[in-house]
Amino acid sequence: MYSVFILPPLFFYKFILAQILFYITNFVANRFMMKPFNTNNMQIIEFCCEQFNFIIPSRQIANRRDKFVKSDSQRNNLLTFINM
């Protein structure tokens, strides 16, 4: 009886926590790139990241997730129906 009322807020907080972690990892990566180039201009940082083929962590995680789901969907197991 109590789990019905507890599950929706836990799912919501899990989603919010994941978004905060993505923001934090992107912030750290952007600050890391600002130091060697001695700039605060995000357009310059984005250009430099493209030139050095540096992908921000949230995009790397999304790419790995997509690759996993694609390879896992070929096996037709339960995870493909959940759609992580």
PDB file of N, CA and C in Angstrom:
ATOM      1  N   MET A   1       0.810  -1.183   0.000  1.00  0.00           N
ATOM      2  CA  MET A   1       0.000   0.000   0.000  1.00  0.00           C
ATOM      3  C   MET A   1       0.861   1.257   0.000  1.00  0.00           C
ATOM      4  N   TYR A   2       1.904   1.279   0.802  1.00  0.00           N
ATOM      5  CA  TYR A   2       2.745   2.465   0.874  1.00  0.00           C
ATOM      6  C   TYR A   2       3.647   2.600  -0.344  1.00  0.00           C
ATOM      7  N   SER A   3       4.046   1.496  -0.960  1.00  0.00           N
ATOM      8  CA  SER A   3       4.956   1.578  -2.096  1.00  0.00           C
ATOM      9  C   SER A   3       4.321   2.300  -3.282  1.00  0.00           C
ATOM     10  N   VAL A   4       3.007   2.247  -3.414  1.00  0.00           N
ATOM     11  CA  VAL A   4       2.335   2.946  -4.498  1.00  0.00           C
ATOM     12  C   VAL A   4       2.535   4.449  -4.367  1.00  0.00           C
ATOM     13  N   PHE A   5       2.545   4.962  -3.171  1.00  0.00           N
ATOM     14  CA  PHE A   5       2.710   6.388  -2.962  1.00  0.00           C
ATOM     15  C   PHE A   5       4.173   6.817  -2.954  1.00  0.00           C
ATOM     16  N   ILE A   6       5.076   5.893  -2.729  1.00  0.00           N
ATOM     17  CA  ILE A   6       6.497   6.226  -2.649  1.00  0.00           C
ATOM     18  C   ILE A   6       7.166   6.157  -4.017  1.00  0.00           C
ATOM     19  N   LEU A   7       6.757   5.262  -4.889  1.00  0.00           N
ATOM     20  CA  LEU A   7       7.453   5.061  -6.155  1.00  0.00           C
ATOM     21  C   LEU A   7       7.458   6.271  -7.086  1.00  0.00           C
ATOM     22  N   PRO A   8       6.352   6.970  -7.310  1.00  0.00           N
ATOM     23  CA  PRO A   8       6.447   8.113  -8.223  1.00  0.00           C
ATOM     24  C   PRO A   8       7.427   9.194  -7.781  1.00  0.00           C
ATOM     25  N   PRO A   9       7.458   9.603  -6.511  1.00  0.00           N
ATOM     26  CA  PRO A   9       8.467  10.609  -6.142  1.00  0.00           C
ATOM     27  C   PRO A   9       9.895  10.092  -6.287  1.00  0.00           C
ATOM     28  N   LEU A  10      10.147   8.814  -6.006  1.00  0.00           N
ATOM     29  CA  LEU A  10      11.497   8.281  -6.153  1.00  0.00           C
ATOM     30  C   LEU A  10      11.934   8.300  -7.605  1.00  0.00           C
ATOM     31  N   PHE A  11      11.036   7.956  -8.514  1.00  0.00           N
ATOM     32  CA  PHE A  11      11.364   8.011  -9.934  1.00  0.00           C
ATOM     33  C   PHE A  11      11.675   9.445 -10.354  1.00  0.00           C
ATOM     34  N   PHE A  12      10.880  10.380  -9.873  1.00  0.00           N
ATOM     35  CA  PHE A  12      11.090  11.787 -10.205  1.00  0.00           C
ATOM     36  C   PHE A  12      12.435  12.273  -9.692  1.00  0.00           C
ATOM     37  N   TYR A  13      12.782  11.937  -8.441  1.00  0.00           N
ATOM     38  CA  TYR A  13      14.056  12.366  -7.880  1.00  0.00           C
ATOM     39  C   TYR A  13      15.229  11.700  -8.578  1.00  0.00           C
ATOM     40  N   LYS A  14      15.048  10.460  -9.018  1.00  0.00           N
ATOM     41  CA  LYS A  14      16.110   9.777  -9.756  1.00  0.00           C
ATOM     42  C   LYS A  14      16.372  10.498 -11.072  1.00  0.00           C
ATOM     43  N   PHE A  15      15.315  10.934 -11.735  1.00  0.00           N
ATOM     44  CA  PHE A  15      15.459  11.680 -12.987  1.00  0.00           C
ATOM     45  C   PHE A  15      16.164  13.011 -12.747  1.00  0.00           C
ATOM     46  N   ILE A  16      15.756  13.722 -11.708  1.00  0.00           N
ATOM     47  CA  ILE A  16      16.374  15.017 -11.392  1.00  0.00           C
ATOM     48  C   ILE A  16      17.842  14.833 -11.026  1.00  0.00           C
ATOM     49  N   LEU A  17      18.154  13.804 -10.258  1.00  0.00           N
ATOM     50  CA  LEU A  17      19.534  13.541  -9.872  1.00  0.00           C
ATOM     51  C   LEU A  17      20.390  13.247 -11.100  1.00  0.00           C
ATOM     52  N   ALA A  18      19.860  12.489 -12.041  1.00  0.00           N
ATOM     53  CA  ALA A  18      20.604  12.188 -13.264  1.00  0.00           C
ATOM     54  C   ALA A  18      20.885  13.462 -14.051  1.00  0.00           C
ATOM     55  N   GLN A  19      19.909  14.358 -14.132  1.00  0.00           N
ATOM     56  CA  GLN A  19      20.102  15.618 -14.843  1.00  0.00           C
ATOM     57  C   GLN A  19      21.154  16.484 -14.153  1.00  0.00           C
ATOM     58  N   ILE A  20      21.157  16.501 -12.833  1.00  0.00           N
ATOM     59  CA  ILE A  20      22.152  17.276 -12.088  1.00  0.00           C
ATOM     60  C   ILE A  20      23.551  16.708 -12.306  1.00  0.00           C
ATOM     61  N   LEU A  21      23.672  15.385 -12.326  1.00  0.00           N
ATOM     62  CA  LEU A  21      24.978  14.771 -12.557  1.00  0.00           C
ATOM     63  C   LEU A  21      25.498  15.083 -13.951  1.00  0.00           C
ATOM     64  N   PHE A  22      24.607  15.089 -14.951  1.00  0.00           N
ATOM     65  CA  PHE A  22      25.022  15.476 -16.298  1.00  0.00           C
ATOM     66  C   PHE A  22      25.518  16.910 -16.310  1.00  0.00           C
ATOM     67  N   TYR A  23      24.800  17.803 -15.629  1.00  0.00           N
ATOM     68  CA  TYR A  23      25.190  19.206 -15.584  1.00  0.00           C
ATOM     69  C   TYR A  23      26.556  19.366 -14.913  1.00  0.00           C
ATOM     70  N   ILE A  24      26.763  18.646 -13.816  1.00  0.00           N
ATOM     71  CA  ILE A  24      28.029  18.760 -13.077  1.00  0.00           C
ATOM     72  C   ILE A  24      29.194  18.257 -13.918  1.00  0.00           C
ATOM     73  N   THR A  25      29.025  17.113 -14.573  1.00  0.00           N
ATOM     74  CA  THR A  25      30.126  16.574 -15.384  1.00  0.00           C
ATOM     75  C   THR A  25      30.430  17.479 -16.577  1.00  0.00           C
ATOM     76  N   ASN A  26      29.387  18.053 -17.180  1.00  0.00           N
ATOM     77  CA  ASN A  26      29.627  18.991 -18.281  1.00  0.00           C
ATOM     78  C   ASN A  26      30.314  20.252 -17.785  1.00  0.00           C
ATOM     79  N   PHE A  27      29.925  20.727 -16.626  1.00  0.00           N
ATOM     80  CA  PHE A  27      30.546  21.922 -16.059  1.00  0.00           C
ATOM     81  C   PHE A  27      32.035  21.682 -15.797  1.00  0.00           C
ATOM     82  N   VAL A  28      32.359  20.541 -15.221  1.00  0.00           N
ATOM     83  CA  VAL A  28      33.765  20.228 -14.928  1.00  0.00           C
ATOM     84  C   VAL A  28      34.566  20.135 -16.220  1.00  0.00           C
ATOM     85  N   ALA A  29      34.003  19.496 -17.232  1.00  0.00           N
ATOM     86  CA  ALA A  29      34.712  19.366 -18.508  1.00  0.00           C
ATOM     87  C   ALA A  29      34.915  20.733 -19.161  1.00  0.00           C
ATOM     88  N   ASN A  30      33.894  21.582 -19.101  1.00  0.00           N
ATOM     89  CA  ASN A  30      34.025  22.922 -19.684  1.00  0.00           C
ATOM     90  C   ASN A  30      35.060  23.753 -18.939  1.00  0.00           C
ATOM     91  N   ARG A  31      35.066  23.681 -17.620  1.00  0.00           N
ATOM     92  CA  ARG A  31      36.068  24.418 -16.843  1.00  0.00           C
ATOM     93  C   ARG A  31      37.470  23.887 -17.129  1.00  0.00           C
ATOM     94  N   PHE A  32      37.573  22.568 -17.321  1.00  0.00           N
ATOM     95  CA  PHE A  32      38.862  21.970 -17.658  1.00  0.00           C
ATOM     96  C   PHE A  32      39.376  22.519 -18.986  1.00  0.00           C
ATOM     97  N   MET A  33      38.478  22.707 -19.952  1.00  0.00           N
ATOM     98  CA  MET A  33      38.895  23.222 -21.251  1.00  0.00           C
ATOM     99  C   MET A  33      39.171  24.728 -21.203  1.00  0.00           C
ATOM    100  N   MET A  34      38.591  25.449 -20.251  1.00  0.00           N
ATOM    101  CA  MET A  34      38.815  26.891 -20.147  1.00  0.00           C
ATOM    102  C   MET A  34      40.226  27.216 -19.662  1.00  0.00           C
ATOM    103  N   LYS A  35      40.788  26.354 -18.848  1.00  0.00           N
ATOM    104  CA  LYS A  35      42.098  26.648 -18.251  1.00  0.00           C
ATOM    105  C   LYS A  35      43.212  26.745 -19.292  1.00  0.00           C
ATOM    106  N   PRO A  36      43.429  25.734 -20.148  1.00  0.00           N
ATOM    107  CA  PRO A  36      44.566  25.847 -21.073  1.00  0.00           C
ATOM    108  C   PRO A  36      44.400  26.941 -22.132  1.00  0.00           C
ATOM    109  N   PHE A  37      43.148  27.253 -22.492  1.00  0.00           N
ATOM    110  CA  PHE A  37      42.930  28.272 -23.513  1.00  0.00           C
ATOM    111  C   PHE A  37      42.742  29.663 -22.924  1.00  0.00           C
ATOM    112  N   ASN A  38      42.699  29.765 -21.614  1.00  0.00           N
ATOM    113  CA  ASN A  38      42.639  31.032 -20.899  1.00  0.00           C
ATOM    114  C   ASN A  38      41.501  31.929 -21.402  1.00  0.00           C
ATOM    115  N   THR A  39      40.301  31.344 -21.466  1.00  0.00           N
ATOM    116  CA  THR A  39      39.151  32.092 -21.930  1.00  0.00           C
ATOM    117  C   THR A  39      37.895  31.640 -21.190  1.00  0.00           C
ATOM    118  N   ASN A  40      36.907  32.524 -21.168  1.00  0.00           N
ATOM    119  CA  ASN A  40      35.605  32.190 -20.600  1.00  0.00           C
ATOM    120  C   ASN A  40      34.523  32.145 -21.668  1.00  0.00           C
ATOM    121  N   ASN A  41      34.905  32.380 -22.911  1.00  0.00           N
ATOM    122  CA  ASN A  41      33.955  32.397 -24.020  1.00  0.00           C
ATOM    123  C   ASN A  41      33.607  30.955 -24.403  1.00  0.00           C
ATOM    124  N   MET A  42      32.339  30.595 -24.245  1.00  0.00           N
ATOM    125  CA  MET A  42      31.920  29.209 -24.510  1.00  0.00           C
ATOM    126  C   MET A  42      31.969  28.872 -25.995  1.00  0.00           C
ATOM    127  N   GLN A  43      31.843  29.862 -26.872  1.00  0.00           N
ATOM    128  CA  GLN A  43      31.948  29.581 -28.298  1.00  0.00           C
ATOM    129  C   GLN A  43      33.361  29.132 -28.660  1.00  0.00           C
ATOM    130  N   ILE A  44      34.344  29.756 -28.059  1.00  0.00           N
ATOM    131  CA  ILE A  44      35.732  29.362 -28.291  1.00  0.00           C
ATOM    132  C   ILE A  44      35.968  27.960 -27.725  1.00  0.00           C
ATOM    133  N   ILE A  45      35.441  27.690 -26.549  1.00  0.00           N
ATOM    134  CA  ILE A  45      35.607  26.377 -25.929  1.00  0.00           C
ATOM    135  C   ILE A  45      34.962  25.297 -26.791  1.00  0.00           C
ATOM    136  N   GLU A  46      33.751  25.551 -27.294  1.00  0.00           N
ATOM    137  CA  GLU A  46      33.081  24.577 -28.154  1.00  0.00           C
ATOM    138  C   GLU A  46      33.864  24.344 -29.443  1.00  0.00           C
ATOM    139  N   PHE A  47      34.413  25.406 -30.010  1.00  0.00           N
ATOM    140  CA  PHE A  47      35.222  25.271 -31.226  1.00  0.00           C
ATOM    141  C   PHE A  47      36.467  24.428 -30.954  1.00  0.00           C
ATOM    142  N   CYS A  48      37.134  24.704 -29.845  1.00  0.00           N
ATOM    143  CA  CYS A  48      38.339  23.945 -29.487  1.00  0.00           C
ATOM    144  C   CYS A  48      38.003  22.476 -29.228  1.00  0.00           C
ATOM    145  N   CYS A  49      36.865  22.227 -28.590  1.00  0.00           N
ATOM    146  CA  CYS A  49      36.450  20.838 -28.348  1.00  0.00           C
ATOM    147  C   CYS A  49      36.221  20.109 -29.664  1.00  0.00           C
ATOM    148  N   GLU A  50      35.620  20.794 -30.629  1.00  0.00           N
ATOM    149  CA  GLU A  50      35.414  20.183 -31.943  1.00  0.00           C
ATOM    150  C   GLU A  50      36.743  19.910 -32.635  1.00  0.00           C
ATOM    151  N   GLN A  51      37.683  20.841 -32.533  1.00  0.00           N
ATOM    152  CA  GLN A  51      38.973  20.685 -33.197  1.00  0.00           C
ATOM    153  C   GLN A  51      39.787  19.544 -32.594  1.00  0.00           C
ATOM    154  N   PHE A  52      39.692  19.359 -31.286  1.00  0.00           N
ATOM    155  CA  PHE A  52      40.434  18.291 -30.612  1.00  0.00           C
ATOM    156  C   PHE A  52      39.621  17.009 -30.467  1.00  0.00           C
ATOM    157  N   ASN A  53      38.426  16.998 -31.063  1.00  0.00           N
ATOM    158  CA  ASN A  53      37.535  15.837 -31.005  1.00  0.00           C
ATOM    159  C   ASN A  53      37.242  15.437 -29.557  1.00  0.00           C
ATOM    160  N   PHE A  54      36.987  16.436 -28.733  1.00  0.00           N
ATOM    161  CA  PHE A  54      36.659  16.226 -27.326  1.00  0.00           C
ATOM    162  C   PHE A  54      35.148  16.270 -27.181  1.00  0.00           C
ATOM    163  N   ILE A  55      34.561  15.186 -26.725  1.00  0.00           N
ATOM    164  CA  ILE A  55      33.111  15.089 -26.567  1.00  0.00           C
ATOM    165  C   ILE A  55      32.784  15.254 -25.089  1.00  0.00           C
ATOM    166  N   ILE A  56      31.795  16.115 -24.786  1.00  0.00           N
ATOM    167  CA  ILE A  56      31.429  16.341 -23.391  1.00  0.00           C
ATOM    168  C   ILE A  56      30.875  15.054 -22.785  1.00  0.00           C
ATOM    169  N   PRO A  57      31.023  14.873 -21.482  1.00  0.00           N
ATOM    170  CA  PRO A  57      30.638  13.612 -20.836  1.00  0.00           C
ATOM    171  C   PRO A  57      29.179  13.209 -21.031  1.00  0.00           C
ATOM    172  N   SER A  58      28.256  14.151 -21.015  1.00  0.00           N
ATOM    173  CA  SER A  58      26.854  13.766 -21.178  1.00  0.00           C
ATOM    174  C   SER A  58      26.603  13.190 -22.570  1.00  0.00           C
ATOM    175  N   ARG A  59      27.292  13.718 -23.586  1.00  0.00           N
ATOM    176  CA  ARG A  59      27.145  13.177 -24.944  1.00  0.00           C
ATOM    177  C   ARG A  59      27.804  11.797 -25.033  1.00  0.00           C
ATOM    178  N   GLN A  60      28.933  11.607 -24.354  1.00  0.00           N
ATOM    179  CA  GLN A  60      29.585  10.296 -24.345  1.00  0.00           C
ATOM    180  C   GLN A  60      28.685   9.250 -23.707  1.00  0.00           C
ATOM    181  N   ILE A  61      28.043   9.614 -22.602  1.00  0.00           N
ATOM    182  CA  ILE A  61      27.141   8.677 -21.921  1.00  0.00           C
ATOM    183  C   ILE A  61      25.961   8.347 -22.817  1.00  0.00           C
ATOM    184  N   ALA A  62      25.412   9.354 -23.494  1.00  0.00           N
ATOM    185  CA  ALA A  62      24.281   9.107 -24.397  1.00  0.00           C
ATOM    186  C   ALA A  62      24.694   8.210 -25.559  1.00  0.00           C
ATOM    187  N   ASN A  63      25.899   8.425 -26.105  1.00  0.00           N
ATOM    188  CA  ASN A  63      26.387   7.570 -27.197  1.00  0.00           C
ATOM    189  C   ASN A  63      26.562   6.129 -26.729  1.00  0.00           C
ATOM    190  N   ARG A  64      27.123   5.952 -25.545  1.00  0.00           N
ATOM    191  CA  ARG A  64      27.320   4.594 -25.021  1.00  0.00           C
ATOM    192  C   ARG A  64      25.988   3.916 -24.732  1.00  0.00           C
ATOM    193  N   ARG A  65      25.025   4.680 -24.229  1.00  0.00           N
ATOM    194  CA  ARG A  65      23.703   4.125 -23.960  1.00  0.00           C
ATOM    195  C   ARG A  65      23.038   3.689 -25.261  1.00  0.00           C
ATOM    196  N   ASP A  66      23.114   4.538 -26.283  1.00  0.00           N
ATOM    197  CA  ASP A  66      22.525   4.197 -27.578  1.00  0.00           C
ATOM    198  C   ASP A  66      23.184   2.955 -28.182  1.00  0.00           C
ATOM    199  N   LYS A  67      24.495   2.881 -28.059  1.00  0.00           N
ATOM    200  CA  LYS A  67      25.221   1.716 -28.571  1.00  0.00           C
ATOM    201  C   LYS A  67      24.803   0.450 -27.825  1.00  0.00           C
ATOM    202  N   PHE A  68      24.645   0.556 -26.505  1.00  0.00           N
ATOM    203  CA  PHE A  68      24.223  -0.594 -25.704  1.00  0.00           C
ATOM    204  C   PHE A  68      22.814  -1.035 -26.067  1.00  0.00           C
ATOM    205  N   VAL A  69      21.898  -0.076 -26.185  1.00  0.00           N
ATOM    206  CA  VAL A  69      20.511  -0.411 -26.514  1.00  0.00           C
ATOM    207  C   VAL A  69      20.432  -1.032 -27.895  1.00  0.00           C
ATOM    208  N   LYS A  70      21.221  -0.523 -28.833  1.00  0.00           N
ATOM    209  CA  LYS A  70      21.219  -1.076 -30.187  1.00  0.00           C
ATOM    210  C   LYS A  70      21.729  -2.510 -30.190  1.00  0.00           C
ATOM    211  N   SER A  71      22.832  -2.768 -29.493  1.00  0.00           N
ATOM    212  CA  SER A  71      23.371  -4.130 -29.456  1.00  0.00           C
ATOM    213  C   SER A  71      22.475  -5.056 -28.638  1.00  0.00           C
ATOM    214  N   ASP A  72      21.857  -4.501 -27.618  1.00  0.00           N
ATOM    215  CA  ASP A  72      20.991  -5.308 -26.766  1.00  0.00           C
ATOM    216  C   ASP A  72      19.664  -5.612 -27.438  1.00  0.00           C
ATOM    217  N   SER A  73      19.209  -4.734 -28.310  1.00  0.00           N
ATOM    218  CA  SER A  73      17.933  -4.961 -28.978  1.00  0.00           C
ATOM    219  C   SER A  73      18.016  -6.134 -29.942  1.00  0.00           C
ATOM    220  N   GLN A  74      19.205  -6.460 -30.381  1.00  0.00           N
ATOM    221  CA  GLN A  74      19.372  -7.602 -31.272  1.00  0.00           C
ATOM    222  C   GLN A  74      19.162  -8.918 -30.533  1.00  0.00           C
ATOM    223  N   ARG A  75      19.320  -8.903 -29.233  1.00  0.00           N
ATOM    224  CA  ARG A  75      19.132 -10.117 -28.436  1.00  0.00           C
ATOM    225  C   ARG A  75      17.683 -10.331 -28.019  1.00  0.00           C
ATOM    226  N   ASN A  76      16.847  -9.300 -28.182  1.00  0.00           N
ATOM    227  CA  ASN A  76      15.421  -9.380 -27.869  1.00  0.00           C
ATOM    228  C   ASN A  76      15.158  -9.828 -26.441  1.00  0.00           C
ATOM    229  N   ASN A  77      15.743  -9.184 -25.507  1.00  0.00           N
ATOM    230  CA  ASN A  77      15.474  -9.524 -24.120  1.00  0.00           C
ATOM    231  C   ASN A  77      14.590  -8.463 -23.475  1.00  0.00           C
ATOM    232  N   LEU A  78      14.411  -8.542 -22.201  1.00  0.00           N
ATOM    233  CA  LEU A  78      13.471  -7.688 -21.480  1.00  0.00           C
ATOM    234  C   LEU A  78      13.872  -6.226 -21.497  1.00  0.00           C
ATOM    235  N   LEU A  79      15.161  -5.915 -21.539  1.00  0.00           N
ATOM    236  CA  LEU A  79      15.598  -4.520 -21.487  1.00  0.00           C
ATOM    237  C   LEU A  79      15.131  -3.708 -22.682  1.00  0.00           C
ATOM    238  N   THR A  80      14.928  -4.340 -23.815  1.00  0.00           N
ATOM    239  CA  THR A  80      14.470  -3.584 -24.986  1.00  0.00           C
ATOM    240  C   THR A  80      13.024  -3.136 -24.807  1.00  0.00           C
ATOM    241  N   PHE A  81      12.239  -3.866 -24.042  1.00  0.00           N
ATOM    242  CA  PHE A  81      10.856  -3.473 -23.813  1.00  0.00           C
ATOM    243  C   PHE A  81      10.761  -2.396 -22.739  1.00  0.00           C
ATOM    244  N   ILE A  82      11.720  -2.334 -21.848  1.00  0.00           N
ATOM    245  CA  ILE A  82      11.722  -1.315 -20.793  1.00  0.00           C
ATOM    246  C   ILE A  82      12.115   0.040 -21.376  1.00  0.00           C
ATOM    247  N   ASN A  83      12.972   0.040 -22.379  1.00  0.00           N
ATOM    248  CA  ASN A  83      13.475   1.241 -23.046  1.00  0.00           C
ATOM    249  C   ASN A  83      14.184   2.163 -22.060  1.00  0.00           C
ATOM    250  N   MET A  84      14.960   1.595 -21.211  1.00  0.00           N
ATOM    251  CA  MET A  84      15.799   2.281 -20.239  1.00  0.00           C
ATOM    252  C   MET A  84      15.507   3.746 -20.277  1.00  0.00           C
TER     253      MET A  84
END
